[in-house]
Amino acid sequence: MPKGKCLTKDRKKDAIDKLKRIEGRIKGLIKMLEDDRYCIDILMQISSTHEALRVVGKGVIQNYLEVCATDGLNSKSKKIQQEIYNELMDVIYKYVK
């Protein structure tokens, strides 16, 4: 399957917006550390930031399945279909946890 852009315009914008908010959270975490904030407060922010990243990843995976994988599986080329099946297995084992 050819590599390249695959996110829909709306999903790309949504992912970028979420990542910019996450970037703000990371800057906030740095400030919390610099200000010697309470460890539990820092851990709570790390946990919520991690979950926010998981939400972005979930959207990318959903887009991949709906657009990229579906196009490949509907291809008339058996080679492309097999490549998508292999790629799906990789996605399942590497990214879905």
Protein backbone atom coordinates (compact mmCIF):
# COMPACT_ATOMS: atom_id res chain seq x y z
CA MET A 1 0.00 0.00 0.00
CA PRO A 2 1.47 3.35 -0.92
CA LYS A 3 2.43 5.45 2.05
CA GLY A 4 1.23 9.01 2.15
CA LYS A 5 -1.40 11.29 3.49
CA CYS A 6 -4.55 9.57 4.54
CA LEU A 7 -6.30 11.68 7.18
CA THR A 8 -9.45 13.40 6.05
CA LYS A 9 -9.36 17.20 6.18
CA ASP A 10 -11.69 17.36 9.20
CA ARG A 11 -9.85 14.65 11.13
CA LYS A 12 -6.51 16.28 10.39
CA LYS A 13 -7.75 19.62 11.75
CA ASP A 14 -9.24 17.91 14.81
CA ALA A 15 -6.01 16.02 15.53
CA ILE A 16 -3.89 19.16 15.14
CA ASP A 17 -6.22 21.13 17.44
CA LYS A 18 -6.05 18.42 20.09
CA LEU A 19 -2.28 18.14 19.81
CA LYS A 20 -1.93 21.91 20.26
CA ARG A 21 -3.98 21.64 23.48
CA ILE A 22 -1.77 18.76 24.58
CA GLU A 23 1.27 20.91 23.82
CA GLY A 24 -0.19 23.48 26.24
CA ARG A 25 -0.61 20.76 28.86
CA ILE A 26 3.03 19.74 28.43
CA LYS A 27 4.13 23.34 28.96
CA GLY A 28 1.92 23.42 32.05
CA LEU A 29 3.57 20.26 33.34
CA ILE A 30 7.00 21.81 32.89
CA LYS A 31 5.83 24.85 34.85
CA MET A 32 4.42 22.61 37.59
CA LEU A 33 7.80 20.90 37.91
CA GLU A 34 9.66 24.19 37.91
CA ASP A 35 7.31 25.47 40.65
CA ASP A 36 7.84 22.33 42.77
CA ARG A 37 4.16 21.46 42.70
CA TYR A 38 2.79 18.49 44.64
CA CYS A 39 3.70 15.13 43.05
CA ILE A 40 0.11 13.86 42.97
CA ASP A 41 -1.03 16.97 41.08
CA ILE A 42 1.74 16.42 38.53
CA LEU A 43 0.87 12.74 38.17
CA MET A 44 -2.79 13.61 37.60
CA GLN A 45 -1.82 16.00 34.81
CA ILE A 46 0.48 13.40 33.25
CA SER A 47 -2.35 10.88 33.33
CA SER A 48 -4.83 13.26 31.69
CA THR A 49 -2.24 14.22 29.06
CA HIS A 50 -1.61 10.55 28.30
CA GLU A 51 -5.36 9.99 27.87
CA ALA A 52 -5.61 13.00 25.56
CA LEU A 53 -2.88 11.48 23.37
CA ARG A 54 -4.78 8.18 23.33
CA VAL A 55 -7.87 10.05 22.05
CA VAL A 56 -5.82 11.51 19.18
CA GLY A 57 -4.43 8.05 18.40
CA LYS A 58 -7.90 6.54 18.44
CA GLY A 59 -9.06 9.11 15.88
CA VAL A 60 -6.10 8.37 13.62
CA ILE A 61 -6.73 4.63 13.87
CA GLN A 62 -10.45 5.13 13.15
CA ASN A 63 -9.58 7.21 10.10
CA TYR A 64 -7.05 4.60 8.97
CA LEU A 65 -9.67 1.85 9.17
CA GLU A 66 -12.44 3.87 7.51
CA VAL A 67 -10.33 5.37 4.72
CA CYS A 68 -6.93 3.80 4.15
CA ALA A 69 -7.59 0.18 5.04
CA THR A 70 -11.04 0.16 3.43
CA ASP A 71 -9.62 1.51 0.16
CA GLY A 72 -6.87 -1.10 0.20
CA LEU A 73 -9.17 -3.99 1.04
CA ASN A 74 -11.56 -2.94 -1.74
CA SER A 75 -8.69 -2.86 -4.22
CA LYS A 76 -8.83 -5.33 -7.08
CA SER A 77 -5.14 -6.05 -6.49
CA LYS A 78 -4.59 -9.11 -4.32
CA LYS A 79 -1.09 -7.78 -3.56
CA ILE A 80 -2.49 -4.52 -2.14
CA GLN A 81 -5.14 -6.43 -0.17
CA GLN A 82 -2.45 -8.65 1.38
CA GLU A 83 -0.31 -5.62 2.20
CA ILE A 84 -3.28 -4.04 4.00
CA TYR A 85 -3.97 -7.23 5.97
CA ASN A 86 -0.30 -7.30 7.01
CA GLU A 87 -0.39 -3.62 7.91
CA LEU A 88 -3.58 -4.15 9.95
CA MET A 89 -1.91 -6.91 11.93
CA ASP A 90 1.02 -4.60 12.63
CA VAL A 91 -1.35 -1.84 13.75
CA ILE A 92 -3.20 -4.19 16.07
CA TYR A 93 -0.04 -5.48 17.72
CA LYS A 94 1.89 -2.20 17.89
CA TYR A 95 -0.64 0.54 18.50
CA VAL A 96 -3.84 -0.88 19.97
CA LYS A 97 -3.27 -1.37 23.68
